[in-house]
PDB file of N, CA and C in Angstrom:
ATOM      1  N   UNK A   1      93.778 102.510  68.732  1.00  0.00           N
ATOM      2  CA  UNK A   1      92.986 101.278  68.282  1.00  0.00           C
ATOM      3  C   UNK A   1      91.932 101.596  67.230  1.00  0.00           C
ATOM      4  N   UNK A   2      91.258 100.651  66.932  1.00  0.00           N
ATOM      5  CA  UNK A   2      90.222 100.871  65.840  1.00  0.00           C
ATOM      6  C   UNK A   2      88.920 101.443  66.274  1.00  0.00           C
ATOM      7  N   UNK A   3      88.007 101.754  65.335  1.00  0.00           N
ATOM      8  CA  UNK A   3      86.615 102.127  65.643  1.00  0.00           C
ATOM      9  C   UNK A   3      85.718 101.303  64.597  1.00  0.00           C
ATOM     10  N   UNK A   4      84.777 100.699  65.199  1.00  0.00           N
ATOM     11  CA  UNK A   4      83.866  99.863  64.436  1.00  0.00           C
ATOM     12  C   UNK A   4      82.448 100.661  64.302  1.00  0.00           C
ATOM     13  N   UNK A   5      82.024 100.881  63.119  1.00  0.00           N
ATOM     14  CA  UNK A   5      80.745 101.446  62.831  1.00  0.00           C
ATOM     15  C   UNK A   5      79.806 100.479  62.493  1.00  0.00           C
ATOM     16  N   UNK A   6      78.645 100.274  63.013  1.00  0.00           N
ATOM     17  CA  UNK A   6      77.605  99.354  62.575  1.00  0.00           C
ATOM     18  C   UNK A   6      76.272  99.942  62.403  1.00  0.00           C
ATOM     19  N   UNK A   7      75.553  99.441  61.413  1.00  0.00           N
ATOM     20  CA  UNK A   7      74.014  99.931  61.306  1.00  0.00           C
ATOM     21  C   UNK A   7      73.359  98.522  61.391  1.00  0.00           C
ATOM     22  N   UNK A   8      72.292  98.566  62.125  1.00  0.00           N
ATOM     23  CA  UNK A   8      71.391  97.470  62.182  1.00  0.00           C
ATOM     24  C   UNK A   8      70.089  97.769  61.435  1.00  0.00           C
ATOM     25  N   UNK A   9      69.725  96.783  60.602  1.00  0.00           N
ATOM     26  CA  UNK A   9      68.607  96.871  59.695  1.00  0.00           C
ATOM     27  C   UNK A   9      67.558  95.746  59.948  1.00  0.00           C
ATOM     28  N   UNK A  10      66.389  96.037  60.211  1.00  0.00           N
ATOM     29  CA  UNK A  10      65.373  95.111  60.408  1.00  0.00           C
ATOM     30  C   UNK A  10      64.599  95.014  59.044  1.00  0.00           C
ATOM     31  N   UNK A  11      64.829  93.770  58.308  1.00  0.00           N
ATOM     32  CA  UNK A  11      64.479  93.745  56.884  1.00  0.00           C
ATOM     33  C   UNK A  11      63.151  92.687  56.884  1.00  0.00           C
ATOM     34  N   UNK A  12      62.047  93.305  56.288  1.00  0.00           N
ATOM     35  CA  UNK A  12      60.865  92.502  56.171  1.00  0.00           C
ATOM     36  C   UNK A  12      61.160  90.982  55.555  1.00  0.00           C
ATOM     37  N   UNK A  13      60.501  89.957  56.071  1.00  0.00           N
ATOM     38  CA  UNK A  13      60.611  88.686  55.497  1.00  0.00           C
ATOM     39  C   UNK A  13      60.077  88.752  54.107  1.00  0.00           C
ATOM     40  N   UNK A  14      60.849  88.209  53.120  1.00  0.00           N
ATOM     41  CA  UNK A  14      60.454  88.255  51.802  1.00  0.00           C
ATOM     42  C   UNK A  14      61.162  89.306  51.017  1.00  0.00           C
ATOM     43  N   UNK A  15      62.007  90.218  51.813  1.00  0.00           N
ATOM     44  CA  UNK A  15      62.790  91.338  51.055  1.00  0.00           C
ATOM     45  C   UNK A  15      64.150  91.131  51.244  1.00  0.00           C
ATOM     46  N   UNK A  16      64.784  90.046  51.736  1.00  0.00           N
ATOM     47  CA  UNK A  16      65.935  89.680  52.248  1.00  0.00           C
ATOM     48  C   UNK A  16      66.856  89.736  50.777  1.00  0.00           C
ATOM     49  N   UNK A  17      66.356  89.011  49.715  1.00  0.00           N
ATOM     50  CA  UNK A  17      67.221  88.881  48.602  1.00  0.00           C
ATOM     51  C   UNK A  17      67.450  90.251  48.009  1.00  0.00           C
ATOM     52  N   UNK A  18      66.385  91.089  47.954  1.00  0.00           N
ATOM     53  CA  UNK A  18      66.386  92.416  47.470  1.00  0.00           C
ATOM     54  C   UNK A  18      67.317  93.279  48.243  1.00  0.00           C
ATOM     55  N   UNK A  19      67.212  93.362  49.407  1.00  0.00           N
ATOM     56  CA  UNK A  19      68.245  94.057  50.379  1.00  0.00           C
ATOM     57  C   UNK A  19      69.654  93.684  50.183  1.00  0.00           C
ATOM     58  N   UNK A  20      69.845  92.314  49.967  1.00  0.00           N
ATOM     59  CA  UNK A  20      71.216  91.977  49.772  1.00  0.00           C
ATOM     60  C   UNK A  20      71.696  92.163  48.406  1.00  0.00           C
ATOM     61  N   UNK A  21      70.883  92.301  47.519  1.00  0.00           N
ATOM     62  CA  UNK A  21      71.259  92.731  46.064  1.00  0.00           C
ATOM     63  C   UNK A  21      71.757  94.040  45.978  1.00  0.00           C
ATOM     64  N   UNK A  22      70.807  95.053  46.690  1.00  0.00           N
ATOM     65  CA  UNK A  22      71.249  96.480  46.694  1.00  0.00           C
ATOM     66  C   UNK A  22      72.731  96.727  47.282  1.00  0.00           C
ATOM     67  N   UNK A  23      73.011  95.854  48.345  1.00  0.00           N
ATOM     68  CA  UNK A  23      74.405  96.098  48.970  1.00  0.00           C
ATOM     69  C   UNK A  23      75.450  95.361  48.043  1.00  0.00           C
ATOM     70  N   UNK A  24      75.133  94.383  47.410  1.00  0.00           N
ATOM     71  CA  UNK A  24      76.232  93.794  46.447  1.00  0.00           C
ATOM     72  C   UNK A  24      76.432  94.735  45.205  1.00  0.00           C
ATOM     73  N   UNK A  25      75.370  95.314  44.760  1.00  0.00           N
ATOM     74  CA  UNK A  25      75.574  96.073  43.516  1.00  0.00           C
ATOM     75  C   UNK A  25      76.002  97.674  43.712  1.00  0.00           C
ATOM     76  N   UNK A  26      75.923  98.067  44.829  1.00  0.00           N
ATOM     77  CA  UNK A  26      76.233  99.506  45.074  1.00  0.00           C
ATOM     78  C   UNK A  26      77.797  99.684  45.089  1.00  0.00           C
ATOM     79  N   UNK A  27      78.198 100.873  44.560  1.00  0.00           N
ATOM     80  CA  UNK A  27      79.639 101.349  44.616  1.00  0.00           C
ATOM     81  C   UNK A  27      79.825 102.010  45.974  1.00  0.00           C
ATOM     82  N   UNK A  28      80.516 101.377  46.975  1.00  0.00           N
ATOM     83  CA  UNK A  28      80.604 101.831  48.164  1.00  0.00           C
ATOM     84  C   UNK A  28      81.577 102.912  48.317  1.00  0.00           C
ATOM     85  N   UNK A  29      82.779 102.818  47.600  1.00  0.00           N
ATOM     86  CA  UNK A  29      84.081 103.751  47.559  1.00  0.00           C
ATOM     87  C   UNK A  29      84.590 103.825  48.825  1.00  0.00           C
ATOM     88  N   UNK A  30      84.457 102.903  49.795  1.00  0.00           N
ATOM     89  CA  UNK A  30      85.052 102.730  51.055  1.00  0.00           C
ATOM     90  C   UNK A  30      86.616 102.642  50.856  1.00  0.00           C
ATOM     91  N   UNK A  31      87.063 101.893  49.873  1.00  0.00           N
ATOM     92  CA  UNK A  31      88.575 101.620  49.797  1.00  0.00           C
ATOM     93  C   UNK A  31      89.107 102.926  49.314  1.00  0.00           C
ATOM     94  N   UNK A  32      88.583 104.010  48.975  1.00  0.00           N
ATOM     95  CA  UNK A  32      88.990 105.251  48.644  1.00  0.00           C
ATOM     96  C   UNK A  32      89.509 106.014  49.833  1.00  0.00           C
ATOM     97  N   UNK A  33      89.001 105.547  50.931  1.00  0.00           N
ATOM     98  CA  UNK A  33      89.164 106.504  52.271  1.00  0.00           C
ATOM     99  C   UNK A  33      90.303 106.161  53.231  1.00  0.00           C
ATOM    100  N   UNK A  34      91.020 106.973  53.599  1.00  0.00           N
ATOM    101  CA  UNK A  34      92.050 106.885  54.666  1.00  0.00           C
ATOM    102  C   UNK A  34      91.431 106.053  55.766  1.00  0.00           C
ATOM    103  N   UNK A  35      92.078 104.964  56.333  1.00  0.00           N
ATOM    104  CA  UNK A  35      91.551 104.363  57.570  1.00  0.00           C
ATOM    105  C   UNK A  35      90.722 103.374  57.285  1.00  0.00           C
ATOM    106  N   UNK A  36      90.155 103.146  56.194  1.00  0.00           N
ATOM    107  CA  UNK A  36      89.355 102.068  56.058  1.00  0.00           C
ATOM    108  C   UNK A  36      89.960 100.720  56.060  1.00  0.00           C
ATOM    109  N   UNK A  37      89.447  99.749  56.860  1.00  0.00           N
ATOM    110  CA  UNK A  37      90.066  98.413  56.908  1.00  0.00           C
ATOM    111  C   UNK A  37      89.346  97.359  56.212  1.00  0.00           C
ATOM    112  N   UNK A  38      88.011  97.240  56.708  1.00  0.00           N
ATOM    113  CA  UNK A  38      87.154  96.031  56.260  1.00  0.00           C
ATOM    114  C   UNK A  38      85.718  96.477  56.293  1.00  0.00           C
ATOM    115  N   UNK A  39      84.981  95.814  55.401  1.00  0.00           N
ATOM    116  CA  UNK A  39      83.323  95.858  55.326  1.00  0.00           C
ATOM    117  C   UNK A  39      82.842  94.601  55.409  1.00  0.00           C
ATOM    118  N   UNK A  40      81.720  94.312  56.158  1.00  0.00           N
ATOM    119  CA  UNK A  40      80.991  93.081  56.084  1.00  0.00           C
ATOM    120  C   UNK A  40      79.591  93.438  56.193  1.00  0.00           C
ATOM    121  N   UNK A  41      78.633  92.623  55.472  1.00  0.00           N
ATOM    122  CA  UNK A  41      77.181  92.837  55.705  1.00  0.00           C
ATOM    123  C   UNK A  41      76.912  91.480  56.407  1.00  0.00           C
ATOM    124  N   UNK A  42      76.379  91.504  57.560  1.00  0.00           N
ATOM    125  CA  UNK A  42      76.003  90.354  58.402  1.00  0.00           C
ATOM    126  C   UNK A  42      74.411  90.041  58.423  1.00  0.00           C
ATOM    127  N   UNK A  43      74.142  88.747  58.059  1.00  0.00           N
ATOM    128  CA  UNK A  43      72.869  88.411  58.358  1.00  0.00           C
ATOM    129  C   UNK A  43      72.576  87.630  59.626  1.00  0.00           C
ATOM    130  N   UNK A  44      71.612  88.285  60.448  1.00  0.00           N
ATOM    131  CA  UNK A  44      71.589  87.541  61.780  1.00  0.00           C
ATOM    132  C   UNK A  44      70.130  86.957  61.956  1.00  0.00           C
ATOM    133  N   UNK A  45      69.560  86.747  63.067  1.00  0.00           N
ATOM    134  CA  UNK A  45      68.329  86.047  63.314  1.00  0.00           C
ATOM    135  C   UNK A  45      67.223  86.648  62.944  1.00  0.00           C
ATOM    136  N   UNK A  46      66.157  85.744  62.767  1.00  0.00           N
ATOM    137  CA  UNK A  46      64.868  86.150  62.420  1.00  0.00           C
ATOM    138  C   UNK A  46      64.140  86.775  63.692  1.00  0.00           C
ATOM    139  N   UNK A  47      63.406  87.844  63.481  1.00  0.00           N
ATOM    140  CA  UNK A  47      62.617  88.423  64.597  1.00  0.00           C
ATOM    141  C   UNK A  47      61.151  88.198  64.131  1.00  0.00           C
ATOM    142  N   UNK A  48      60.284  89.092  64.732  1.00  0.00           N
ATOM    143  CA  UNK A  48      58.803  88.940  64.649  1.00  0.00           C
ATOM    144  C   UNK A  48      58.477  89.735  63.182  1.00  0.00           C
ATOM    145  N   UNK A  49      58.619  88.965  61.974  1.00  0.00           N
ATOM    146  CA  UNK A  49      58.314  89.471  60.771  1.00  0.00           C
ATOM    147  C   UNK A  49      59.546  90.055  60.293  1.00  0.00           C
ATOM    148  N   UNK A  50      60.764  90.040  60.456  1.00  0.00           N
ATOM    149  CA  UNK A  50      61.894  90.601  59.922  1.00  0.00           C
ATOM    150  C   UNK A  50      63.148  89.641  60.118  1.00  0.00           C
ATOM    151  N   UNK A  51      64.189  89.922  59.375  1.00  0.00           N
ATOM    152  CA  UNK A  51      65.329  89.279  59.477  1.00  0.00           C
ATOM    153  C   UNK A  51      66.360  90.499  59.923  1.00  0.00           C
ATOM    154  N   UNK A  52      67.274  90.300  60.840  1.00  0.00           N
ATOM    155  CA  UNK A  52      68.160  91.287  61.348  1.00  0.00           C
ATOM    156  C   UNK A  52      69.408  91.248  60.530  1.00  0.00           C
ATOM    157  N   UNK A  53      69.862  92.478  59.993  1.00  0.00           N
ATOM    158  CA  UNK A  53      71.164  92.539  59.205  1.00  0.00           C
ATOM    159  C   UNK A  53      71.952  93.688  60.024  1.00  0.00           C
ATOM    160  N   UNK A  54      73.337  93.564  59.630  1.00  0.00           N
ATOM    161  CA  UNK A  54      74.120  94.746  60.346  1.00  0.00           C
ATOM    162  C   UNK A  54      75.198  94.856  59.203  1.00  0.00           C
ATOM    163  N   UNK A  55      75.512  96.114  58.964  1.00  0.00           N
ATOM    164  CA  UNK A  55      76.663  96.469  58.254  1.00  0.00           C
ATOM    165  C   UNK A  55      77.825  96.836  59.345  1.00  0.00           C
ATOM    166  N   UNK A  56      78.727  96.239  59.113  1.00  0.00           N
ATOM    167  CA  UNK A  56      79.934  96.223  60.041  1.00  0.00           C
ATOM    168  C   UNK A  56      81.225  96.697  59.293  1.00  0.00           C
ATOM    169  N   UNK A  57      81.739  98.021  59.748  1.00  0.00           N
ATOM    170  CA  UNK A  57      82.847  98.611  59.041  1.00  0.00           C
ATOM    171  C   UNK A  57      84.055  98.878  60.062  1.00  0.00           C
ATOM    172  N   UNK A  58      85.169  98.442  59.739  1.00  0.00           N
ATOM    173  CA  UNK A  58      86.280  98.707  60.687  1.00  0.00           C
ATOM    174  C   UNK A  58      87.013  99.779  60.069  1.00  0.00           C
ATOM    175  N   UNK A  59      87.322 100.821  60.916  1.00  0.00           N
ATOM    176  CA  UNK A  59      88.157 101.964  60.606  1.00  0.00           C
ATOM    177  C   UNK A  59      89.359 102.005  61.506  1.00  0.00           C
ATOM    178  N   UNK A  60      90.508 102.684  61.070  1.00  0.00           N
ATOM    179  CA  UNK A  60      91.705 102.786  61.868  1.00  0.00           C
ATOM    180  C   UNK A  60      91.282 103.693  63.154  1.00  0.00           C
ATOM    181  N   UNK A  61      90.429 104.596  62.977  1.00  0.00           N
ATOM    182  CA  UNK A  61      90.171 105.511  64.065  1.00  0.00           C
ATOM    183  C   UNK A  61      88.664 106.219  64.022  1.00  0.00           C
ATOM    184  N   UNK A  62      88.243 106.694  65.046  1.00  0.00           N
ATOM    185  CA  UNK A  62      86.860 107.288  64.839  1.00  0.00           C
ATOM    186  C   UNK A  62      86.965 108.663  63.921  1.00  0.00           C
ATOM    187  N   UNK A  63      88.113 109.175  64.037  1.00  0.00           N
ATOM    188  CA  UNK A  63      88.352 110.453  63.028  1.00  0.00           C
ATOM    189  C   UNK A  63      88.245 109.981  61.590  1.00  0.00           C
ATOM    190  N   UNK A  64      88.706 108.735  61.219  1.00  0.00           N
ATOM    191  CA  UNK A  64      88.597 108.228  59.963  1.00  0.00           C
ATOM    192  C   UNK A  64      87.176 108.086  59.464  1.00  0.00           C
ATOM    193  N   UNK A  65      86.542 107.377  60.459  1.00  0.00           N
ATOM    194  CA  UNK A  65      85.109 107.181  60.114  1.00  0.00           C
ATOM    195  C   UNK A  65      84.262 108.591  59.940  1.00  0.00           C
ATOM    196  N   UNK A  66      84.478 109.397  60.754  1.00  0.00           N
ATOM    197  CA  UNK A  66      84.015 110.798  60.731  1.00  0.00           C
ATOM    198  C   UNK A  66      84.322 111.533  59.358  1.00  0.00           C
ATOM    199  N   UNK A  67      85.553 111.341  59.038  1.00  0.00           N
ATOM    200  CA  UNK A  67      86.025 111.960  57.638  1.00  0.00           C
ATOM    201  C   UNK A  67      85.006 111.194  56.541  1.00  0.00           C
ATOM    202  N   UNK A  68      84.813 109.946  56.623  1.00  0.00           N
ATOM    203  CA  UNK A  68      84.060 109.289  55.641  1.00  0.00           C
ATOM    204  C   UNK A  68      82.647 109.770  55.623  1.00  0.00           C
ATOM    205  N   UNK A  69      82.071 110.132  56.812  1.00  0.00           N
ATOM    206  CA  UNK A  69      80.726 110.637  56.823  1.00  0.00           C
ATOM    207  C   UNK A  69      80.495 111.940  56.172  1.00  0.00           C
ATOM    208  N   UNK A  70      81.645 112.717  56.119  1.00  0.00           N
ATOM    209  CA  UNK A  70      81.627 114.156  55.464  1.00  0.00           C
ATOM    210  C   UNK A  70      82.245 114.075  54.199  1.00  0.00           C
ATOM    211  N   UNK A  71      82.362 112.933  53.525  1.00  0.00           N
ATOM    212  CA  UNK A  71      83.015 112.929  52.277  1.00  0.00           C
ATOM    213  C   UNK A  71      82.030 112.873  51.017  1.00  0.00           C
ATOM    214  N   UNK A  72      82.605 113.274  49.831  1.00  0.00           N
ATOM    215  CA  UNK A  72      81.728 113.019  48.593  1.00  0.00           C
ATOM    216  C   UNK A  72      81.470 111.602  48.408  1.00  0.00           C
ATOM    217  N   UNK A  73      82.562 110.654  48.755  1.00  0.00           N
ATOM    218  CA  UNK A  73      82.334 109.263  48.506  1.00  0.00           C
ATOM    219  C   UNK A  73      81.102 108.792  49.412  1.00  0.00           C
ATOM    220  N   UNK A  74      80.981 109.147  50.626  1.00  0.00           N
ATOM    221  CA  UNK A  74      79.811 108.809  51.441  1.00  0.00           C
ATOM    222  C   UNK A  74      78.480 109.342  50.950  1.00  0.00           C
ATOM    223  N   UNK A  75      78.400 110.722  50.286  1.00  0.00           N
ATOM    224  CA  UNK A  75      77.154 111.120  49.753  1.00  0.00           C
ATOM    225  C   UNK A  75      76.786 110.266  48.590  1.00  0.00           C
ATOM    226  N   UNK A  76      77.857 110.071  47.724  1.00  0.00           N
ATOM    227  CA  UNK A  76      77.505 109.223  46.525  1.00  0.00           C
ATOM    228  C   UNK A  76      77.088 107.622  46.885  1.00  0.00           C
ATOM    229  N   UNK A  77      77.754 107.258  47.861  1.00  0.00           N
ATOM    230  CA  UNK A  77      77.470 105.799  48.154  1.00  0.00           C
ATOM    231  C   UNK A  77      76.031 105.688  48.792  1.00  0.00           C
ATOM    232  N   UNK A  78      75.512 106.822  49.343  1.00  0.00           N
ATOM    233  CA  UNK A  78      74.285 106.704  49.991  1.00  0.00           C
ATOM    234  C   UNK A  78      73.204 107.587  49.237  1.00  0.00           C
ATOM    235  N   UNK A  79      73.505 107.919  48.035  1.00  0.00           N
ATOM    236  CA  UNK A  79      72.564 108.564  47.216  1.00  0.00           C
ATOM    237  C   UNK A  79      71.152 107.908  47.114  1.00  0.00           C
ATOM    238  N   UNK A  80      71.088 106.532  46.975  1.00  0.00           N
ATOM    239  CA  UNK A  80      69.978 105.905  46.809  1.00  0.00           C
ATOM    240  C   UNK A  80      69.489 105.144  47.887  1.00  0.00           C
ATOM    241  N   UNK A  81      70.223 105.476  49.037  1.00  0.00           N
ATOM    242  CA  UNK A  81      69.809 104.673  50.337  1.00  0.00           C
ATOM    243  C   UNK A  81      68.335 104.869  50.820  1.00  0.00           C
ATOM    244  N   UNK A  82      67.755 106.001  50.527  1.00  0.00           N
ATOM    245  CA  UNK A  82      66.452 106.289  51.050  1.00  0.00           C
ATOM    246  C   UNK A  82      65.356 106.050  49.906  1.00  0.00           C
ATOM    247  N   UNK A  83      65.706 105.327  48.818  1.00  0.00           N
ATOM    248  CA  UNK A  83      64.653 105.064  47.708  1.00  0.00           C
ATOM    249  C   UNK A  83      63.592 104.149  48.341  1.00  0.00           C
ATOM    250  N   UNK A  84      62.424 104.324  47.649  1.00  0.00           N
ATOM    251  CA  UNK A  84      61.163 103.650  48.105  1.00  0.00           C
ATOM    252  C   UNK A  84      61.352 102.059  48.263  1.00  0.00           C
ATOM    253  N   UNK A  85      61.951 101.399  47.389  1.00  0.00           N
ATOM    254  CA  UNK A  85      62.221 100.010  47.580  1.00  0.00           C
ATOM    255  C   UNK A  85      63.057  99.725  48.763  1.00  0.00           C
ATOM    256  N   UNK A  86      63.863 100.363  49.048  1.00  0.00           N
ATOM    257  CA  UNK A  86      64.783 100.083  50.298  1.00  0.00           C
ATOM    258  C   UNK A  86      63.853 100.444  51.441  1.00  0.00           C
ATOM    259  N   UNK A  87      63.253 101.585  51.477  1.00  0.00           N
ATOM    260  CA  UNK A  87      62.491 102.018  52.502  1.00  0.00           C
ATOM    261  C   UNK A  87      61.307 101.044  52.983  1.00  0.00           C
ATOM    262  N   UNK A  88      60.777 100.484  51.733  1.00  0.00           N
ATOM    263  CA  UNK A  88      59.609  99.477  51.975  1.00  0.00           C
ATOM    264  C   UNK A  88      60.258  98.075  52.488  1.00  0.00           C
ATOM    265  N   UNK A  89      61.427  97.732  52.320  1.00  0.00           N
ATOM    266  CA  UNK A  89      62.027  96.550  52.786  1.00  0.00           C
ATOM    267  C   UNK A  89      62.406  96.650  54.348  1.00  0.00           C
ATOM    268  N   UNK A  90      62.426  97.736  54.954  1.00  0.00           N
ATOM    269  CA  UNK A  90      62.870  98.032  56.252  1.00  0.00           C
ATOM    270  C   UNK A  90      61.612  98.064  57.061  1.00  0.00           C
ATOM    271  N   UNK A  91      61.600  97.492  58.348  1.00  0.00           N
ATOM    272  CA  UNK A  91      60.635  97.626  59.209  1.00  0.00           C
ATOM    273  C   UNK A  91      60.639  99.022  59.977  1.00  0.00           C
ATOM    274  N   UNK A  92      61.786  99.485  60.252  1.00  0.00           N
ATOM    275  CA  UNK A  92      62.142 100.706  60.753  1.00  0.00           C
ATOM    276  C   UNK A  92      63.269 101.404  60.267  1.00  0.00           C
ATOM    277  N   UNK A  93      63.615 102.668  60.445  1.00  0.00           N
ATOM    278  CA  UNK A  93      65.027 103.189  60.047  1.00  0.00           C
ATOM    279  C   UNK A  93      66.119 102.387  60.568  1.00  0.00           C
ATOM    280  N   UNK A  94      67.241 102.405  59.958  1.00  0.00           N
ATOM    281  CA  UNK A  94      68.454 101.618  60.497  1.00  0.00           C
ATOM    282  C   UNK A  94      68.928 102.272  61.840  1.00  0.00           C
ATOM    283  N   UNK A  95      69.579 101.471  62.553  1.00  0.00           N
ATOM    284  CA  UNK A  95      69.973 101.839  63.873  1.00  0.00           C
ATOM    285  C   UNK A  95      71.539 101.945  63.959  1.00  0.00           C
ATOM    286  N   UNK A  96      72.178 103.236  64.225  1.00  0.00           N
ATOM    287  CA  UNK A  96      73.708 103.072  64.140  1.00  0.00           C
ATOM    288  C   UNK A  96      74.252 102.881  65.555  1.00  0.00           C
ATOM    289  N   UNK A  97      75.332 102.140  65.581  1.00  0.00           N
ATOM    290  CA  UNK A  97      76.116 101.912  66.842  1.00  0.00           C
ATOM    291  C   UNK A  97      77.622 102.077  66.483  1.00  0.00           C
ATOM    292  N   UNK A  98      78.287 103.002  67.274  1.00  0.00           N
ATOM    293  CA  UNK A  98      79.848 103.134  66.908  1.00  0.00           C
ATOM    294  C   UNK A  98      80.516 102.551  68.158  1.00  0.00           C
ATOM    295  N   UNK A  99      81.568 101.880  67.991  1.00  0.00           N
ATOM    296  CA  UNK A  99      82.443 101.299  69.200  1.00  0.00           C
ATOM    297  C   UNK A  99      83.901 101.625  68.887  1.00  0.00           C
ATOM    298  N   UNK A 100      84.642 102.117  70.132  1.00  0.00           N
ATOM    299  CA  UNK A 100      86.088 102.289  70.105  1.00  0.00           C
ATOM    300  C   UNK A 100      86.529 100.984  70.655  1.00  0.00           C
ATOM    301  N   UNK A 101      87.601 100.392  70.068  1.00  0.00           N
ATOM    302  CA  UNK A 101      88.177  99.180  70.447  1.00  0.00           C
ATOM    303  C   UNK A 101      88.978  99.544  71.698  1.00  0.00           C
ATOM    304  N   UNK A 102      88.794  98.614  72.704  1.00  0.00           N
ATOM    305  CA  UNK A 102      89.407  98.738  73.916  1.00  0.00           C
ATOM    306  C   UNK A 102      90.546  97.575  74.082  1.00  0.00           C
ATOM    307  N   UNK A 103      90.273  96.429  73.439  1.00  0.00           N
ATOM    308  CA  UNK A 103      91.092  95.207  73.577  1.00  0.00           C
ATOM    309  C   UNK A 103      91.037  94.595  72.312  1.00  0.00           C
ATOM    310  N   UNK A 104      92.152  94.069  71.766  1.00  0.00           N
ATOM    311  CA  UNK A 104      92.145  93.379  70.467  1.00  0.00           C
ATOM    312  C   UNK A 104      93.008  92.030  70.486  1.00  0.00           C
ATOM    313  N   UNK A 105      92.484  91.007  70.223  1.00  0.00           N
ATOM    314  CA  UNK A 105      93.482  89.877  70.335  1.00  0.00           C
ATOM    315  C   UNK A 105      93.151  89.168  68.869  1.00  0.00           C
ATOM    316  N   UNK A 106      94.291  88.638  68.209  1.00  0.00           N
ATOM    317  CA  UNK A 106      94.307  87.914  67.028  1.00  0.00           C
ATOM    318  C   UNK A 106      94.657  86.375  67.244  1.00  0.00           C
TER     319      UNK A 106
END
């Protein structure tokens, strides 16, 4: 079964467009990786001074995801992830969640 890797981001109100642009313009290189299936950037509800976002990546397996995190492609894709404009947009650091699929229906 598949593995889903998610990062939650709390983005300050007024920084949403900037945050989305960073994601739209970055070269992710995910499609170069074995086991990569799908990426989505999700925009969620507003909180107290922030909007919740989640990056949602589906992999064939946890092992494929872990290979991604150790790859040159990962390092290059995240090279500017900690720049000041990105940090300033976030209320707090991103929160990672990983899930093994136990049931899937189409």
